Amino acid sequence: MVSSLPLWLWYVSIQVVSAALLAATGYLVYSQPEAHHQREFVGYVAVQASWLFVATAKFLVGPPELKYALSLLADLLAVGAIAAIGYFATVYTNRSLSLRRPQNALFAGWLVVAVGGVLTQPVFGLQYASVTYHREPVAYLAVTPGPAYLLGSAVAVAVVLVSLVYLTRLFISSTHRPTSSVLLLVAAAVASFLPNLVSTLNIVPVLPGYDYTVFGIVPLTVILGYTVFFRGELDLAPMARAEIVDDIDDVLLGLDDAGRVVDYNAAAGPLLPEDVDTPVGTPLSELLPGLAAQVPLPAAGEDDVSATYTTVVDGRRTHYAVSVSPIVERGTVAGYTVVLRDVTAVERSKRELRRQNDQLEQFASTVAHDLRNPLQVADGAGTLLREQLRAADGPEAAAAADHIDRVTGAVARMDDRLDELQTLRNTPNP
């Protein structure tokens, strides 16, 4: 039934292959230091690998007492692995870790109960209702789950489900990603539950009572690693879909903390290059280098960045007023909202106003030039006539001189107004 190979070799081979898959997944994720929350995922893989190593050792060692001790240690590492995946999903999706949130408080309570059940097993027997040492067909421990084990398994399933829901909701928050990744996450959920279900129901006749749970978490880890980090579709800072509204006229882009496009609305479509198949996941500096050069991404605590951006859209020159706002979660930047408002009409009005101002300036210059020479002639002639009248005798001459004074005074005031007009013309616009 098992060919000529000993049964234990089949089990060990499966565990070695699982360990190799975990090691490869962990290394490939570790080799991407810029990936979003890469350290948390690598830490989760390390705990999972430790769990698998202890489970393998439990299967290989001989003395029942040592198998029993390693079984309890494996259960502790199982709790750690479940806690690690819950932590990763929470921080990756930028959700709060506060114990004021009911789900977080329940999660912390489960950790205490689960660890307590394992540590107090020799005293209260809550983790295993019974433990039986079998020598055939191979030496192994068969356990009957106790109340703490059953509670821990149920909560572990809930933690994995919630974690996958967090990631799935992040994924479907964008309408620009294919649905195949959602199917992968569903497959990860099924893969993680089946071995635990098999162990709890004790439906494998070859080694009844053997705990297969560790094998379920391995495909879950590999699928998550591929979907989140290698597929390049979830390795983005979370961006609520409410931030990206398709029915708004302004162009809206959502960026993650590394400046990669997370999401965009319908108005952004004409602005994006036609030769880019999947804008999501592409850095803004590659997608729209001109825009990226105009808008440096602000850090947490800094003010929004405003700039102008001009490009050609649908064959016409289009001007945008750009605003970049950081999305801050717990003091760190989780992403950015980039808003581009079409101000082409405003720019056109500004150009028309500048043209009219230039015409007015030219007119003022011409008027000032054309009037200044006649005024100077009139002023000079008035001055000579006044001196001649002052030199003549008679009341009529004196009265005429007074009239000439008023005329030259008016000419002087006109000359002052021309100076003021010239000064105003030379003053730059704010």
Protein backbone atom coordinates (compact mmCIF):
# COMPACT_ATOMS: atom_id res chain seq x y z
CA MET A 1 0.00 0.00 0.00
CA VAL A 2 2.90 2.32 0.73
CA SER A 3 5.29 0.65 -1.76
CA SER A 4 8.61 -0.65 -0.47
CA LEU A 5 9.56 2.49 1.40
CA PRO A 6 8.94 2.58 5.15
CA LEU A 7 5.97 4.61 6.21
CA TRP A 8 8.05 6.97 8.28
CA LEU A 9 10.13 7.83 5.22
CA TRP A 10 7.01 8.99 3.38
CA TYR A 11 6.08 11.27 6.26
CA VAL A 12 9.59 12.60 6.64
CA SER A 13 9.82 13.19 2.88
CA ILE A 14 6.65 15.27 2.96
CA GLN A 15 8.04 17.30 5.83
CA VAL A 16 11.38 17.82 4.07
CA VAL A 17 9.61 19.03 0.93
CA SER A 18 7.48 21.34 3.06
CA ALA A 19 10.60 22.67 4.76
CA ALA A 20 12.23 23.30 1.38
CA LEU A 21 9.15 25.20 0.17
CA LEU A 22 9.15 27.31 3.34
CA ALA A 23 12.87 28.01 3.05
CA ALA A 24 12.54 29.04 -0.59
CA THR A 25 9.54 31.26 0.14
CA GLY A 26 11.25 32.90 3.10
CA TYR A 27 14.48 33.50 1.18
CA LEU A 28 12.77 34.98 -1.87
CA VAL A 29 10.73 37.35 0.28
CA TYR A 30 13.81 38.23 2.34
CA SER A 31 15.64 39.11 -0.88
CA GLN A 32 13.12 41.91 -1.47
CA PRO A 33 14.03 44.40 1.28
CA GLU A 34 11.87 47.14 -0.28
CA ALA A 35 8.72 45.00 -0.17
CA HIS A 36 5.93 46.28 2.04
CA HIS A 37 6.18 44.67 5.54
CA GLN A 38 8.65 42.10 4.27
CA ARG A 39 10.17 41.63 7.73
CA GLU A 40 6.87 40.68 9.33
CA PHE A 41 6.26 38.03 6.69
CA VAL A 42 9.78 36.61 7.00
CA GLY A 43 9.29 36.45 10.77
CA TYR A 44 6.08 34.51 10.24
CA VAL A 45 7.88 32.08 7.92
CA ALA A 46 10.63 31.61 10.53
CA VAL A 47 8.09 30.66 13.20
CA GLN A 48 6.36 28.34 10.75
CA ALA A 49 9.69 26.71 9.85
CA SER A 50 10.46 26.20 13.55
CA TRP A 51 7.07 24.56 14.02
CA LEU A 52 7.72 22.22 11.10
CA PHE A 53 11.21 21.38 12.39
CA VAL A 54 9.91 20.47 15.83
CA ALA A 55 7.04 18.45 14.32
CA THR A 56 9.57 16.51 12.23
CA ALA A 57 11.80 15.94 15.22
CA LYS A 58 8.79 14.70 17.20
CA PHE A 59 8.14 12.13 14.47
CA LEU A 60 11.78 10.95 14.34
CA VAL A 61 12.80 10.71 18.00
CA GLY A 62 12.24 7.48 19.90
CA PRO A 63 11.48 8.00 23.59
CA PRO A 64 7.78 8.68 24.27
CA GLU A 65 8.63 11.30 26.88
CA LEU A 66 10.64 13.27 24.36
CA LYS A 67 7.88 12.94 21.77
CA TYR A 68 5.44 14.27 24.34
CA ALA A 69 7.64 17.28 25.19
CA LEU A 70 8.20 18.06 21.52
CA SER A 71 4.46 17.76 20.89
CA LEU A 72 3.79 20.49 23.45
CA LEU A 73 6.58 22.62 22.00
CA ALA A 74 5.08 22.17 18.52
CA ASP A 75 1.72 23.34 19.85
CA LEU A 76 3.35 26.48 21.28
CA LEU A 77 4.99 27.19 17.92
CA ALA A 78 1.66 26.57 16.20
CA VAL A 79 0.14 29.30 18.35
CA GLY A 80 3.09 31.52 17.44
CA ALA A 81 2.63 30.86 13.72
CA ILE A 82 -1.08 31.70 13.86
CA ALA A 83 -0.31 34.84 15.88
CA ALA A 84 2.39 35.81 13.37
CA ILE A 85 0.08 35.53 10.36
CA GLY A 86 -2.59 37.54 12.18
CA TYR A 87 -0.05 40.22 13.04
CA PHE A 88 1.26 40.32 9.48
CA ALA A 89 -2.19 40.70 7.95
CA THR A 90 -3.08 43.43 10.45
CA VAL A 91 -0.01 45.59 9.94
CA TYR A 92 0.13 44.93 6.20
CA THR A 93 -3.37 46.30 5.75
CA ASN A 94 -2.58 49.19 8.14
CA ARG A 95 -5.21 48.22 10.68
CA SER A 96 -4.95 49.25 14.30
CA LEU A 97 -3.25 46.97 16.81
CA SER A 98 -5.02 48.64 19.71
CA LEU A 99 -6.60 46.28 22.24
CA ARG A 100 -9.59 48.62 22.30
CA ARG A 101 -10.71 46.97 19.08
CA PRO A 102 -12.84 43.92 20.04
CA GLN A 103 -11.15 41.57 17.57
CA ASN A 104 -7.71 42.51 18.84
CA ALA A 105 -8.76 42.04 22.46
CA LEU A 106 -10.22 38.61 21.65
CA PHE A 107 -7.05 37.72 19.77
CA ALA A 108 -4.89 38.64 22.78
CA GLY A 109 -7.20 36.68 25.05
CA TRP A 110 -6.91 33.64 22.82
CA LEU A 111 -3.11 33.85 22.96
CA VAL A 112 -3.20 33.76 26.75
CA VAL A 113 -5.64 30.83 26.84
CA ALA A 114 -3.83 28.87 24.11
CA VAL A 115 -0.38 29.27 25.66
CA GLY A 116 -1.79 28.57 29.10
CA GLY A 117 -3.48 25.39 27.88
CA VAL A 118 -0.20 24.07 26.48
CA LEU A 119 1.93 25.01 29.49
CA THR A 120 -0.54 23.58 32.01
CA GLN A 121 -1.18 20.34 30.13
CA PRO A 122 0.83 18.21 32.58
CA VAL A 123 -1.29 19.57 35.44
CA PHE A 124 -4.82 20.09 34.09
CA GLY A 125 -4.82 18.07 30.86
CA LEU A 126 -6.74 20.72 28.92
CA GLN A 127 -4.67 20.50 25.73
CA TYR A 128 -4.90 16.72 25.29
CA ALA A 129 -7.71 14.65 26.71
CA SER A 130 -5.52 11.56 26.25
CA VAL A 131 -2.11 10.70 24.83
CA THR A 132 -1.32 7.22 23.49
CA TYR A 133 2.06 5.96 22.37
CA HIS A 134 1.90 3.65 19.31
CA ARG A 135 4.71 1.50 18.00
CA GLU A 136 2.95 0.32 14.84
CA PRO A 137 3.05 0.96 11.96
CA VAL A 138 5.62 3.53 13.18
CA ALA A 139 6.38 5.00 16.57
CA TYR A 140 4.20 8.05 17.10
CA LEU A 141 1.96 9.78 19.61
CA ALA A 142 -1.80 9.71 19.11
CA VAL A 143 -3.60 12.49 20.95
CA THR A 144 -7.24 13.10 21.68
CA PRO A 145 -7.91 16.85 21.57
CA GLY A 146 -8.86 18.46 24.85
CA PRO A 147 -11.00 21.58 25.33
CA ALA A 148 -8.05 23.96 25.08
CA TYR A 149 -6.90 22.28 21.86
CA LEU A 150 -10.37 22.42 20.32
CA LEU A 151 -10.82 26.07 21.32
CA GLY A 152 -7.39 26.92 20.00
CA SER A 153 -8.10 25.19 16.69
CA ALA A 154 -11.40 27.03 16.27
CA VAL A 155 -9.84 30.39 17.03
CA ALA A 156 -6.86 29.61 14.80
CA VAL A 157 -9.23 28.98 11.92
CA ALA A 158 -10.97 32.28 12.70
CA VAL A 159 -7.62 34.14 12.81
CA VAL A 160 -6.57 32.73 9.44
CA LEU A 161 -9.97 33.56 7.97
CA VAL A 162 -9.90 37.13 9.27
CA SER A 163 -6.34 37.57 8.02
CA LEU A 164 -7.31 36.42 4.55
CA VAL A 165 -10.40 38.64 4.64
CA TYR A 166 -8.17 41.63 5.50
CA LEU A 167 -5.93 40.88 2.52
CA THR A 168 -8.86 40.12 0.22
CA ARG A 169 -10.60 43.38 1.09
CA LEU A 170 -7.37 45.20 0.37
CA PHE A 171 -7.17 43.43 -2.97
CA ILE A 172 -10.73 44.08 -4.08
CA SER A 173 -10.50 47.74 -2.99
CA SER A 174 -9.13 48.34 -6.47
CA THR A 175 -11.10 47.63 -9.63
CA HIS A 176 -7.90 47.43 -11.66
CA ARG A 177 -6.60 44.07 -10.49
CA PRO A 178 -7.62 40.66 -11.89
CA THR A 179 -9.74 38.37 -9.73
CA SER A 180 -7.32 35.46 -9.95
CA SER A 181 -5.54 36.60 -6.80
CA VAL A 182 -8.79 36.38 -4.86
CA LEU A 183 -9.10 32.78 -6.03
CA LEU A 184 -5.56 32.13 -4.82
CA LEU A 185 -6.44 33.49 -1.39
CA VAL A 186 -9.49 31.21 -1.27
CA ALA A 187 -7.27 28.28 -2.20
CA ALA A 188 -4.89 29.27 0.62
CA ALA A 189 -7.78 29.23 3.09
CA VAL A 190 -8.93 25.76 1.98
CA ALA A 191 -5.36 24.42 2.05
CA SER A 192 -4.83 25.65 5.60
CA PHE A 193 -8.07 24.19 7.00
CA LEU A 194 -8.05 20.68 5.56
CA PRO A 195 -5.12 19.17 7.55
CA ASN A 196 -6.45 20.60 10.80
CA LEU A 197 -9.91 19.22 10.01
CA VAL A 198 -8.42 15.81 9.22
CA SER A 199 -6.53 15.80 12.52
CA THR A 200 -9.49 16.96 14.60
CA LEU A 201 -11.91 14.43 13.08
CA ASN A 202 -9.26 11.65 13.13
CA ILE A 203 -10.24 10.39 9.69
CA VAL A 204 -6.84 9.11 8.47
CA PRO A 205 -6.68 5.34 9.10
CA VAL A 206 -2.90 5.00 8.61
CA LEU A 207 -1.82 6.98 11.69
CA PRO A 208 -4.98 7.62 13.72
CA GLY A 209 -4.60 10.48 16.17
CA TYR A 210 -1.57 12.03 14.42
CA ASP A 211 -1.59 15.85 14.14
CA TYR A 212 -1.33 16.97 10.50
CA THR A 213 -2.07 20.66 11.13
CA VAL A 214 1.46 21.79 10.34
CA PHE A 215 1.07 20.67 6.73
CA GLY A 216 -1.82 23.05 6.14
CA ILE A 217 0.07 26.16 7.07
CA VAL A 218 2.81 25.40 4.51
CA PRO A 219 0.67 25.81 1.35
CA LEU A 220 -0.95 28.82 3.01
CA THR A 221 2.49 30.39 3.44
CA VAL A 222 3.60 29.63 -0.11
CA ILE A 223 0.38 30.93 -1.68
CA LEU A 224 0.46 34.08 0.43
CA GLY A 225 4.10 34.70 -0.39
CA TYR A 226 3.45 34.30 -4.10
CA THR A 227 0.29 36.41 -4.16
CA VAL A 228 1.49 39.19 -1.90
CA PHE A 229 5.14 39.56 -2.87
CA PHE A 230 5.89 37.77 -6.14
CA ARG A 231 2.70 38.37 -8.08
CA GLY A 232 3.05 42.07 -7.39
CA GLU A 233 -0.62 42.72 -6.82
CA LEU A 234 -0.98 43.00 -3.08
CA ASP A 235 2.51 44.28 -2.27
CA LEU A 236 1.11 47.79 -2.01
CA ALA A 237 0.24 49.99 0.89
CA PRO A 238 -3.47 49.88 1.63
CA MET A 239 -5.66 52.50 0.01
CA ALA A 240 -9.35 52.68 0.81
CA ARG A 241 -11.52 52.72 -2.30
CA ALA A 242 -13.41 55.65 -0.77
CA GLU A 243 -10.29 57.72 -1.44
CA ILE A 244 -10.56 56.96 -5.15
CA VAL A 245 -13.97 57.98 -6.46
CA ASP A 246 -14.69 57.13 -10.07
CA ASP A 247 -17.46 59.62 -10.58
CA ILE A 248 -15.37 62.71 -9.80
CA ASP A 249 -14.05 64.89 -12.61
CA ASP A 250 -10.62 65.43 -11.06
CA VAL A 251 -7.85 62.94 -11.74
CA LEU A 252 -7.17 60.91 -8.59
CA LEU A 253 -4.20 58.62 -8.06
CA GLY A 254 -3.51 56.50 -4.99
CA LEU A 255 0.14 55.75 -4.21
CA ASP A 256 1.63 53.46 -1.61
CA ASP A 257 4.43 54.53 0.73
CA ALA A 258 7.02 53.67 -1.94
CA GLY A 259 5.39 55.90 -4.57
CA ARG A 260 3.83 53.07 -6.58
CA VAL A 261 0.35 53.42 -8.05
CA VAL A 262 -2.18 51.55 -5.93
CA ASP A 263 -5.36 52.77 -7.56
CA TYR A 264 -6.76 55.41 -9.88
CA ASN A 265 -10.15 56.66 -11.00
CA ALA A 266 -11.75 56.78 -14.43
CA ALA A 267 -10.66 60.38 -15.03
CA ALA A 268 -7.03 59.29 -14.83
CA GLY A 269 -7.37 56.91 -17.78
CA PRO A 270 -6.57 59.42 -20.58
CA LEU A 271 -3.53 60.59 -18.63
CA LEU A 272 -1.93 57.16 -18.33
CA PRO A 273 0.37 55.77 -21.05
CA GLU A 274 -1.37 53.41 -23.45
CA ASP A 275 1.61 51.05 -23.61
CA VAL A 276 1.43 50.20 -19.89
CA ASP A 277 -0.71 47.09 -19.35
CA THR A 278 -0.97 47.25 -15.56
CA PRO A 279 -0.48 50.72 -14.06
CA VAL A 280 -1.15 49.27 -10.60
CA GLY A 281 2.16 48.48 -8.94
CA THR A 282 4.15 50.75 -11.29
CA PRO A 283 6.13 53.58 -9.67
CA LEU A 284 4.79 57.03 -10.50
CA SER A 285 8.28 58.01 -11.64
CA GLU A 286 8.04 55.39 -14.40
CA LEU A 287 4.37 55.86 -15.24
CA LEU A 288 4.30 59.69 -15.34
CA PRO A 289 7.90 60.91 -14.95
CA GLY A 290 6.99 64.54 -15.67
CA LEU A 291 4.41 64.56 -12.90
CA ALA A 292 6.71 62.77 -10.45
CA ALA A 293 9.41 65.37 -11.10
CA GLN A 294 6.99 68.17 -10.16
CA VAL A 295 5.60 66.70 -6.94
CA PRO A 296 7.95 65.44 -4.22
CA LEU A 297 6.17 63.11 -1.83
CA PRO A 298 5.78 64.72 1.63
CA ALA A 299 6.75 62.91 4.80
CA ALA A 300 4.51 62.42 7.82
CA GLY A 301 3.84 65.75 9.51
CA GLU A 302 4.71 67.79 6.42
CA ASP A 303 2.20 69.96 4.62
CA ASP A 304 0.54 68.93 1.38
CA VAL A 305 2.58 69.54 -1.74
CA SER A 306 1.12 71.77 -4.48
CA ALA A 307 2.49 72.11 -7.99
CA THR A 308 1.50 72.58 -11.62
CA TYR A 309 1.79 70.00 -14.36
CA THR A 310 1.36 70.41 -18.09
CA THR A 311 1.01 67.56 -20.56
CA VAL A 312 -0.75 66.61 -23.78
CA VAL A 313 -4.06 64.77 -23.32
CA ASP A 314 -6.12 63.67 -26.33
CA GLY A 315 -4.03 65.86 -28.62
CA ARG A 316 -4.41 69.11 -26.67
CA ARG A 317 -2.16 70.81 -24.20
CA THR A 318 -3.67 70.43 -20.73
CA HIS A 319 -2.72 72.17 -17.51
CA TYR A 320 -3.28 70.68 -14.06
CA ALA A 321 -3.07 72.02 -10.53
CA VAL A 322 -1.60 69.15 -8.50
CA SER A 323 -2.03 68.45 -4.79
CA VAL A 324 -0.31 65.58 -2.96
CA SER A 325 -1.55 64.61 0.51
CA PRO A 326 0.06 61.94 2.71
CA ILE A 327 -2.16 59.28 4.28
CA VAL A 328 -0.77 58.84 7.78
CA GLU A 329 -1.46 55.77 9.91
CA ARG A 330 -0.09 55.69 13.46
CA GLY A 331 2.51 58.34 12.73
CA THR A 332 3.88 56.80 9.52
CA VAL A 333 3.00 57.41 5.89
CA ALA A 334 0.90 54.57 4.51
CA GLY A 335 0.38 56.14 1.10
CA TYR A 336 -0.50 59.29 -0.81
CA THR A 337 -3.51 60.78 -2.53
CA VAL A 338 -2.61 62.73 -5.67
CA VAL A 339 -5.30 65.05 -7.05
CA LEU A 340 -4.95 66.70 -10.47
CA ARG A 341 -7.49 69.41 -11.27
CA ASP A 342 -7.82 70.52 -14.88
CA VAL A 343 -7.09 74.27 -14.91
CA THR A 344 -6.65 74.61 -18.65
CA ALA A 345 -9.52 77.13 -18.89
CA VAL A 346 -8.02 79.14 -16.04
CA GLU A 347 -4.62 79.13 -17.71
CA ARG A 348 -6.23 80.22 -20.96
CA SER A 349 -7.90 83.11 -19.14
CA LYS A 350 -4.58 84.04 -17.56
CA ARG A 351 -2.90 84.10 -20.96
CA GLU A 352 -5.69 86.28 -22.34
CA LEU A 353 -5.37 88.62 -19.38
CA ARG A 354 -1.62 88.83 -19.87
CA ARG A 355 -2.18 89.62 -23.55
CA GLN A 356 -4.59 92.40 -22.66
CA ASN A 357 -2.18 93.74 -20.06
CA ASP A 358 0.58 93.77 -22.65
CA GLN A 359 -1.66 95.73 -25.02
CA LEU A 360 -2.57 98.18 -22.28
CA GLU A 361 1.08 98.59 -21.38
CA GLN A 362 1.96 99.30 -25.01
CA PHE A 363 -0.86 101.82 -25.25
CA ALA A 364 0.27 103.58 -22.06
CA SER A 365 3.83 103.72 -23.31
CA THR A 366 2.72 105.20 -26.62
CA VAL A 367 0.47 107.77 -24.97
CA ALA A 368 3.19 108.82 -22.54
CA HIS A 369 5.70 109.18 -25.33
CA ASP A 370 3.33 111.08 -27.63
CA LEU A 371 2.15 113.53 -24.96
CA ARG A 372 5.42 114.27 -23.22
CA ASN A 373 7.02 116.17 -26.11
CA PRO A 374 4.03 118.52 -26.72
CA LEU A 375 3.78 119.16 -22.99
CA GLN A 376 7.44 120.08 -22.81
CA VAL A 377 6.98 122.49 -25.73
CA ALA A 378 3.92 124.03 -24.07
CA ASP A 379 5.74 124.35 -20.76
CA GLY A 380 8.74 126.02 -22.38
CA ALA A 381 6.59 128.40 -24.39
CA GLY A 382 4.54 129.28 -21.32
CA THR A 383 7.65 130.03 -19.31
CA LEU A 384 8.99 132.46 -21.97
CA LEU A 385 5.63 134.17 -22.36
CA ARG A 386 5.30 134.60 -18.59
CA GLU A 387 8.75 136.23 -18.34
CA GLN A 388 7.91 138.61 -21.19
CA LEU A 389 4.62 139.59 -19.58
CA ARG A 390 6.27 140.14 -16.22
CA ALA A 391 8.72 142.50 -17.89
CA ALA A 392 5.94 144.56 -19.50
CA ASP A 393 4.09 147.32 -17.60
CA GLY A 394 0.40 147.47 -17.00
CA PRO A 395 -2.31 145.59 -15.15
CA GLU A 396 -3.33 143.63 -18.24
CA ALA A 397 0.17 142.17 -18.59
CA ALA A 398 0.25 141.11 -14.91
CA ALA A 399 -3.15 139.44 -15.21
CA ALA A 400 -2.06 137.61 -18.37
CA ALA A 401 1.09 136.41 -16.57
CA ASP A 402 -1.09 134.94 -13.81
CA HIS A 403 -3.11 133.01 -16.41
CA ILE A 404 0.11 131.72 -17.92
CA ASP A 405 1.22 130.50 -14.45
CA ARG A 406 -1.95 128.46 -14.15
CA VAL A 407 -1.39 126.97 -17.60
CA THR A 408 2.23 125.93 -16.84
CA GLY A 409 1.09 124.52 -13.51
CA ALA A 410 -1.48 122.35 -15.29
CA VAL A 411 1.21 121.23 -17.75
CA ALA A 412 3.49 120.29 -14.81
CA ARG A 413 0.73 118.23 -13.19
CA MET A 414 0.11 116.40 -16.49
CA ASP A 415 3.84 115.63 -16.68
CA ASP A 416 3.71 114.20 -13.12
CA ARG A 417 0.80 111.94 -14.10
CA LEU A 418 2.82 110.63 -17.04
CA ASP A 419 5.69 109.85 -14.64
CA GLU A 420 3.28 107.97 -12.40
CA LEU A 421 1.92 106.05 -15.39
CA GLN A 422 5.46 105.14 -16.42
CA THR A 423 6.25 103.90 -12.88
CA LEU A 424 3.07 101.81 -12.81
CA ARG A 425 3.91 100.30 -16.18
CA ASN A 426 7.40 99.29 -14.99
CA THR A 427 6.09 97.68 -11.78
CA PRO A 428 6.10 93.83 -12.16
CA ASN A 429 2.84 91.92 -11.61
CA PRO A 430 2.64 89.99 -8.32
